[in-house]
PDB file of N, CA and C in Angstrom:
ATOM      1  N   MET A   1      -6.478 -22.135   2.009  1.00  0.00           N
ATOM      2  CA  MET A   1      -5.606 -21.018   2.331  1.00  0.00           C
ATOM      3  C   MET A   1      -6.206 -19.696   1.843  1.00  0.00           C
ATOM      4  N   LEU A   2      -6.794 -19.700   0.643  1.00  0.00           N
ATOM      5  CA  LEU A   2      -7.414 -18.475   0.121  1.00  0.00           C
ATOM      6  C   LEU A   2      -8.544 -18.024   1.037  1.00  0.00           C
ATOM      7  N   GLY A   3      -9.322 -18.973   1.525  1.00  0.00           N
ATOM      8  CA  GLY A   3     -10.422 -18.630   2.438  1.00  0.00           C
ATOM      9  C   GLY A   3      -9.932 -17.978   3.711  1.00  0.00           C
ATOM     10  N   THR A   4      -8.835 -18.485   4.242  1.00  0.00           N
ATOM     11  CA  THR A   4      -8.245 -17.909   5.458  1.00  0.00           C
ATOM     12  C   THR A   4      -7.747 -16.499   5.194  1.00  0.00           C
ATOM     13  N   THR A   5      -7.107 -16.311   4.038  1.00  0.00           N
ATOM     14  CA  THR A   5      -6.595 -14.992   3.672  1.00  0.00           C
ATOM     15  C   THR A   5      -7.731 -13.992   3.502  1.00  0.00           C
ATOM     16  N   LEU A   6      -8.781 -14.403   2.790  1.00  0.00           N
ATOM     17  CA  LEU A   6      -9.940 -13.521   2.600  1.00  0.00           C
ATOM     18  C   LEU A   6     -10.582 -13.166   3.932  1.00  0.00           C
ATOM     19  N   ALA A   7     -10.718 -14.155   4.807  1.00  0.00           N
ATOM     20  CA  ALA A   7     -11.317 -13.909   6.124  1.00  0.00           C
ATOM     21  C   ALA A   7     -10.494 -12.908   6.925  1.00  0.00           C
ATOM     22  N   PHE A   8      -9.157 -13.049   6.862  1.00  0.00           N
ATOM     23  CA  PHE A   8      -8.289 -12.112   7.581  1.00  0.00           C
ATOM     24  C   PHE A   8      -8.506 -10.686   7.095  1.00  0.00           C
ATOM     25  N   TRP A   9      -8.396 -10.483   5.752  1.00  0.00           N
ATOM     26  CA  TRP A   9      -8.487  -9.128   5.211  1.00  0.00           C
ATOM     27  C   TRP A   9      -9.874  -8.538   5.401  1.00  0.00           C
ATOM     28  N   ARG A  10     -10.907  -9.336   5.242  1.00  0.00           N
ATOM     29  CA  ARG A  10     -12.269  -8.823   5.466  1.00  0.00           C
ATOM     30  C   ARG A  10     -12.480  -8.450   6.920  1.00  0.00           C
ATOM     31  N   GLY A  11     -11.990  -9.283   7.820  1.00  0.00           N
ATOM     32  CA  GLY A  11     -12.099  -8.966   9.248  1.00  0.00           C
ATOM     33  C   GLY A  11     -11.322  -7.724   9.615  1.00  0.00           C
ATOM     34  N   TRP A  12     -10.116  -7.632   9.072  1.00  0.00           N
ATOM     35  CA  TRP A  12      -9.287  -6.467   9.360  1.00  0.00           C
ATOM     36  C   TRP A  12      -9.938  -5.199   8.818  1.00  0.00           C
ATOM     37  N   ALA A  13     -10.395  -5.245   7.576  1.00  0.00           N
ATOM     38  CA  ALA A  13     -11.005  -4.069   6.937  1.00  0.00           C
ATOM     39  C   ALA A  13     -12.324  -3.679   7.605  1.00  0.00           C
ATOM     40  N   SER A  14     -13.007  -4.635   8.202  1.00  0.00           N
ATOM     41  CA  SER A  14     -14.297  -4.324   8.835  1.00  0.00           C
ATOM     42  C   SER A  14     -14.140  -3.425  10.055  1.00  0.00           C
ATOM     43  N   GLN A  15     -12.920  -3.282  10.538  1.00  0.00           N
ATOM     44  CA  GLN A  15     -12.668  -2.411  11.692  1.00  0.00           C
ATOM     45  C   GLN A  15     -12.661  -0.929  11.313  1.00  0.00           C
ATOM     46  N   CYS A  16     -12.640  -0.639  10.031  1.00  0.00           N
ATOM     47  CA  CYS A  16     -12.655   0.746   9.565  1.00  0.00           C
ATOM     48  C   CYS A  16     -13.979   1.391   9.947  1.00  0.00           C
ATOM     49  N   THR A  17     -13.905   2.539  10.570  1.00  0.00           N
ATOM     50  CA  THR A  17     -15.117   3.219  11.035  1.00  0.00           C
ATOM     51  C   THR A  17     -15.638   4.271  10.065  1.00  0.00           C
ATOM     52  N   VAL A  18     -14.928   4.490   8.959  1.00  0.00           N
ATOM     53  CA  VAL A  18     -15.375   5.465   7.965  1.00  0.00           C
ATOM     54  C   VAL A  18     -16.583   4.899   7.236  1.00  0.00           C
ATOM     55  N   ARG A  19     -17.621   5.683   7.114  1.00  0.00           N
ATOM     56  CA  ARG A  19     -18.829   5.282   6.396  1.00  0.00           C
ATOM     57  C   ARG A  19     -19.173   6.363   5.381  1.00  0.00           C
ATOM     58  N   GLY A  20     -19.918   5.984   4.385  1.00  0.00           N
ATOM     59  CA  GLY A  20     -20.383   6.972   3.418  1.00  0.00           C
ATOM     60  C   GLY A  20     -19.684   6.886   2.087  1.00  0.00           C
ATOM     61  N   LYS A  21     -19.690   8.014   1.402  1.00  0.00           N
ATOM     62  CA  LYS A  21     -19.231   8.112   0.021  1.00  0.00           C
ATOM     63  C   LYS A  21     -17.803   7.609  -0.196  1.00  0.00           C
ATOM     64  N   TYR A  22     -16.911   7.833   0.740  1.00  0.00           N
ATOM     65  CA  TYR A  22     -15.499   7.521   0.549  1.00  0.00           C
ATOM     66  C   TYR A  22     -15.058   6.233   1.250  1.00  0.00           C
ATOM     67  N   GLN A  23     -15.990   5.471   1.783  1.00  0.00           N
ATOM     68  CA  GLN A  23     -15.641   4.270   2.529  1.00  0.00           C
ATOM     69  C   GLN A  23     -14.792   3.295   1.706  1.00  0.00           C
ATOM     70  N   ASP A  24     -15.216   2.986   0.489  1.00  0.00           N
ATOM     71  CA  ASP A  24     -14.468   2.036  -0.336  1.00  0.00           C
ATOM     72  C   ASP A  24     -13.045   2.520  -0.617  1.00  0.00           C
ATOM     73  N   ALA A  25     -12.896   3.793  -0.936  1.00  0.00           N
ATOM     74  CA  ALA A  25     -11.568   4.346  -1.226  1.00  0.00           C
ATOM     75  C   ALA A  25     -10.678   4.306   0.014  1.00  0.00           C
ATOM     76  N   VAL A  26     -11.245   4.619   1.163  1.00  0.00           N
ATOM     77  CA  VAL A  26     -10.472   4.598   2.409  1.00  0.00           C
ATOM     78  C   VAL A  26     -10.027   3.170   2.727  1.00  0.00           C
ATOM     79  N   VAL A  27     -10.942   2.215   2.598  1.00  0.00           N
ATOM     80  CA  VAL A  27     -10.595   0.821   2.881  1.00  0.00           C
ATOM     81  C   VAL A  27      -9.515   0.328   1.924  1.00  0.00           C
ATOM     82  N   ARG A  28      -9.626   0.654   0.629  1.00  0.00           N
ATOM     83  CA  ARG A  28      -8.585   0.256  -0.337  1.00  0.00           C
ATOM     84  C   ARG A  28      -7.229   0.848   0.047  1.00  0.00           C
ATOM     85  N   SER A  29      -7.219   2.104   0.456  1.00  0.00           N
ATOM     86  CA  SER A  29      -5.969   2.745   0.863  1.00  0.00           C
ATOM     87  C   SER A  29      -5.395   2.088   2.109  1.00  0.00           C
ATOM     88  N   LEU A  30      -6.250   1.792   3.072  1.00  0.00           N
ATOM     89  CA  LEU A  30      -5.783   1.143   4.300  1.00  0.00           C
ATOM     90  C   LEU A  30      -5.220  -0.244   4.027  1.00  0.00           C
ATOM     91  N   VAL A  31      -5.891  -1.008   3.172  1.00  0.00           N
ATOM     92  CA  VAL A  31      -5.418  -2.347   2.832  1.00  0.00           C
ATOM     93  C   VAL A  31      -4.065  -2.266   2.128  1.00  0.00           C
ATOM     94  N   THR A  32      -3.912  -1.302   1.235  1.00  0.00           N
ATOM     95  CA  THR A  32      -2.637  -1.128   0.535  1.00  0.00           C
ATOM     96  C   THR A  32      -1.522  -0.812   1.519  1.00  0.00           C
ATOM     97  N   LEU A  33      -1.763   0.121   2.432  1.00  0.00           N
ATOM     98  CA  LEU A  33      -0.744   0.476   3.426  1.00  0.00           C
ATOM     99  C   LEU A  33      -0.433  -0.702   4.346  1.00  0.00           C
ATOM    100  N   LYS A  34      -1.455  -1.428   4.751  1.00  0.00           N
ATOM    101  CA  LYS A  34      -1.252  -2.599   5.607  1.00  0.00           C
ATOM    102  C   LYS A  34      -0.414  -3.641   4.876  1.00  0.00           C
ATOM    103  N   ALA A  35      -0.693  -3.862   3.602  1.00  0.00           N
ATOM    104  CA  ALA A  35       0.048  -4.858   2.823  1.00  0.00           C
ATOM    105  C   ALA A  35       1.510  -4.461   2.637  1.00  0.00           C
ATOM    106  N   LEU A  36       1.811  -3.180   2.698  1.00  0.00           N
ATOM    107  CA  LEU A  36       3.188  -2.697   2.527  1.00  0.00           C
ATOM    108  C   LEU A  36       3.913  -2.475   3.859  1.00  0.00           C
ATOM    109  N   THR A  37       3.304  -2.939   4.939  1.00  0.00           N
ATOM    110  CA  THR A  37       3.874  -2.733   6.271  1.00  0.00           C
ATOM    111  C   THR A  37       4.604  -3.976   6.750  1.00  0.00           C
ATOM    112  N   TYR A  38       5.801  -3.789   7.264  1.00  0.00           N
ATOM    113  CA  TYR A  38       6.577  -4.876   7.855  1.00  0.00           C
ATOM    114  C   TYR A  38       6.078  -5.081   9.277  1.00  0.00           C
ATOM    115  N   ALA A  39       5.403  -6.194   9.531  1.00  0.00           N
ATOM    116  CA  ALA A  39       4.703  -6.431  10.794  1.00  0.00           C
ATOM    117  C   ALA A  39       5.556  -6.265  12.052  1.00  0.00           C
ATOM    118  N   PRO A  40       6.782  -6.793  12.112  1.00  0.00           N
ATOM    119  CA  PRO A  40       7.542  -6.678  13.365  1.00  0.00           C
ATOM    120  C   PRO A  40       7.837  -5.240  13.809  1.00  0.00           C
ATOM    121  N   THR A  41       8.000  -4.329  12.851  1.00  0.00           N
ATOM    122  CA  THR A  41       8.364  -2.963  13.228  1.00  0.00           C
ATOM    123  C   THR A  41       7.294  -1.930  12.899  1.00  0.00           C
ATOM    124  N   GLY A  42       6.380  -2.285  12.001  1.00  0.00           N
ATOM    125  CA  GLY A  42       5.388  -1.318  11.560  1.00  0.00           C
ATOM    126  C   GLY A  42       5.901  -0.385  10.481  1.00  0.00           C
ATOM    127  N   GLY A  43       7.121  -0.610  10.022  1.00  0.00           N
ATOM    128  CA  GLY A  43       7.709   0.235   8.987  1.00  0.00           C
ATOM    129  C   GLY A  43       7.113  -0.057   7.617  1.00  0.00           C
ATOM    130  N   ILE A  44       7.043   0.961   6.778  1.00  0.00           N
ATOM    131  CA  ILE A  44       6.565   0.778   5.411  1.00  0.00           C
ATOM    132  C   ILE A  44       7.683   0.110   4.608  1.00  0.00           C
ATOM    133  N   VAL A  45       7.353  -0.957   3.913  1.00  0.00           N
ATOM    134  CA  VAL A  45       8.336  -1.753   3.190  1.00  0.00           C
ATOM    135  C   VAL A  45       8.839  -1.058   1.937  1.00  0.00           C
ATOM    136  N   ALA A  46       7.936  -0.478   1.144  1.00  0.00           N
ATOM    137  CA  ALA A  46       8.356   0.122  -0.120  1.00  0.00           C
ATOM    138  C   ALA A  46       7.354   1.175  -0.560  1.00  0.00           C
ATOM    139  N   ALA A  47       7.828   2.083  -1.367  1.00  0.00           N
ATOM    140  CA  ALA A  47       6.936   3.065  -1.976  1.00  0.00           C
ATOM    141  C   ALA A  47       6.286   2.413  -3.192  1.00  0.00           C
ATOM    142  N   VAL A  48       4.995   2.546  -3.321  1.00  0.00           N
ATOM    143  CA  VAL A  48       4.254   1.885  -4.382  1.00  0.00           C
ATOM    144  C   VAL A  48       4.584   2.441  -5.762  1.00  0.00           C
ATOM    145  N   THR A  49       4.878   3.702  -5.862  1.00  0.00           N
ATOM    146  CA  THR A  49       4.995   4.353  -7.170  1.00  0.00           C
ATOM    147  C   THR A  49       6.423   4.524  -7.670  1.00  0.00           C
ATOM    148  N   THR A  50       7.387   3.863  -7.081  1.00  0.00           N
ATOM    149  CA  THR A  50       8.780   4.123  -7.466  1.00  0.00           C
ATOM    150  C   THR A  50       9.105   3.802  -8.910  1.00  0.00           C
ATOM    151  N   SER A  51       8.410   2.851  -9.520  1.00  0.00           N
ATOM    152  CA  SER A  51       8.755   2.460 -10.886  1.00  0.00           C
ATOM    153  C   SER A  51       7.583   2.515 -11.851  1.00  0.00           C
ATOM    154  N   LEU A  52       6.542   3.206 -11.495  1.00  0.00           N
ATOM    155  CA  LEU A  52       5.400   3.307 -12.390  1.00  0.00           C
ATOM    156  C   LEU A  52       5.693   4.299 -13.504  1.00  0.00           C
ATOM    157  N   PRO A  53       5.242   4.024 -14.710  1.00  0.00           N
ATOM    158  CA  PRO A  53       5.434   4.978 -15.801  1.00  0.00           C
ATOM    159  C   PRO A  53       4.537   6.197 -15.604  1.00  0.00           C
ATOM    160  N   GLU A  54       4.958   7.326 -16.130  1.00  0.00           N
ATOM    161  CA  GLU A  54       4.143   8.532 -16.046  1.00  0.00           C
ATOM    162  C   GLU A  54       2.920   8.424 -16.936  1.00  0.00           C
ATOM    163  N   GLN A  55       3.041   7.672 -18.037  1.00  0.00           N
ATOM    164  CA  GLN A  55       1.923   7.437 -18.948  1.00  0.00           C
ATOM    165  C   GLN A  55       1.804   5.945 -19.170  1.00  0.00           C
ATOM    166  N   LEU A  56       0.584   5.477 -19.377  1.00  0.00           N
ATOM    167  CA  LEU A  56       0.355   4.071 -19.639  1.00  0.00           C
ATOM    168  C   LEU A  56       1.202   3.619 -20.821  1.00  0.00           C
ATOM    169  N   GLY A  57       2.038   2.613 -20.610  1.00  0.00           N
ATOM    170  CA  GLY A  57       2.905   2.108 -21.660  1.00  0.00           C
ATOM    171  C   GLY A  57       4.200   2.876 -21.817  1.00  0.00           C
ATOM    172  N   GLY A  58       4.376   3.943 -21.034  1.00  0.00           N
ATOM    173  CA  GLY A  58       5.582   4.752 -21.148  1.00  0.00           C
ATOM    174  C   GLY A  58       6.725   4.201 -20.314  1.00  0.00           C
ATOM    175  N   PRO A  59       7.880   4.853 -20.374  1.00  0.00           N
ATOM    176  CA  PRO A  59       9.028   4.401 -19.586  1.00  0.00           C
ATOM    177  C   PRO A  59       8.821   4.690 -18.103  1.00  0.00           C
ATOM    178  N   ALA A  60       9.538   3.966 -17.256  1.00  0.00           N
ATOM    179  CA  ALA A  60       9.475   4.204 -15.817  1.00  0.00           C
ATOM    180  C   ALA A  60       9.926   5.630 -15.514  1.00  0.00           C
ATOM    181  N   THR A  61       9.496   6.163 -14.389  1.00  0.00           N
ATOM    182  CA  THR A  61       9.789   7.554 -14.053  1.00  0.00           C
ATOM    183  C   THR A  61      11.241   7.794 -13.696  1.00  0.00           C
ATOM    184  N   GLY A  62      11.932   6.755 -13.283  1.00  0.00           N
ATOM    185  CA  GLY A  62      13.328   6.931 -12.866  1.00  0.00           C
ATOM    186  C   GLY A  62      13.451   7.351 -11.427  1.00  0.00           C
ATOM    187  N   ILE A  63      12.335   7.513 -10.745  1.00  0.00           N
ATOM    188  CA  ILE A  63      12.365   7.866  -9.329  1.00  0.00           C
ATOM    189  C   ILE A  63      12.855   6.648  -8.560  1.00  0.00           C
ATOM    190  N   THR A  64      13.783   6.841  -7.648  1.00  0.00           N
ATOM    191  CA  THR A  64      14.257   5.726  -6.834  1.00  0.00           C
ATOM    192  C   THR A  64      13.916   5.976  -5.383  1.00  0.00           C
ATOM    193  N   ALA A  65      13.719   4.903  -4.659  1.00  0.00           N
ATOM    194  CA  ALA A  65      13.457   5.026  -3.222  1.00  0.00           C
ATOM    195  C   ALA A  65      14.724   5.520  -2.545  1.00  0.00           C
ATOM    196  N   SER A  66      14.577   6.228  -1.467  1.00  0.00           N
ATOM    197  CA  SER A  66      15.765   6.681  -0.758  1.00  0.00           C
ATOM    198  C   SER A  66      15.558   6.555   0.747  1.00  0.00           C
ATOM    199  N   ALA A  67      16.652   6.439   1.442  1.00  0.00           N
ATOM    200  CA  ALA A  67      16.625   6.318   2.897  1.00  0.00           C
ATOM    201  C   ALA A  67      16.631   7.689   3.549  1.00  0.00           C
ATOM    202  N   GLY A  68      16.528   8.724   2.778  1.00  0.00           N
ATOM    203  CA  GLY A  68      16.585  10.082   3.306  1.00  0.00           C
ATOM    204  C   GLY A  68      17.921  10.706   2.971  1.00  0.00           C
ATOM    205  N   CYS A  69      17.989  11.989   2.942  1.00  0.00           N
ATOM    206  CA  CYS A  69      19.224  12.725   2.635  1.00  0.00           C
ATOM    207  C   CYS A  69      19.787  12.321   1.277  1.00  0.00           C
ATOM    208  N   GLY A  70      18.926  11.856   0.364  1.00  0.00           N
ATOM    209  CA  GLY A  70      19.373  11.518  -0.973  1.00  0.00           C
ATOM    210  C   GLY A  70      20.144  10.221  -1.092  1.00  0.00           C
ATOM    211  N   THR A  71      20.173   9.425  -0.029  1.00  0.00           N
ATOM    212  CA  THR A  71      20.896   8.156  -0.074  1.00  0.00           C
ATOM    213  C   THR A  71      20.015   7.071  -0.662  1.00  0.00           C
ATOM    214  N   PRO A  72      20.364   6.523  -1.844  1.00  0.00           N
ATOM    215  CA  PRO A  72      19.534   5.466  -2.426  1.00  0.00           C
ATOM    216  C   PRO A  72      19.542   4.220  -1.540  1.00  0.00           C
ATOM    217  N   LEU A  73      18.419   3.522  -1.549  1.00  0.00           N
ATOM    218  CA  LEU A  73      18.347   2.267  -0.783  1.00  0.00           C
ATOM    219  C   LEU A  73      19.043   1.158  -1.520  1.00  0.00           C
TER     220      LEU A  73
END
């Protein structure tokens, strides 16, 4: 199963046409966005940074995801 998963992500990432200095960063960003995408609709599932601390080892930021207009999800 791991081999199949690796093959999928490597094949998918190989479609990236960006080359040069920023290629690795672009591919990492694309993989992250793809992993957070709900396949049937293409919608982003969650914000990555909603509960990350502002400082390593610090408290969570308190930022909550919202559906827009200040409505918490």
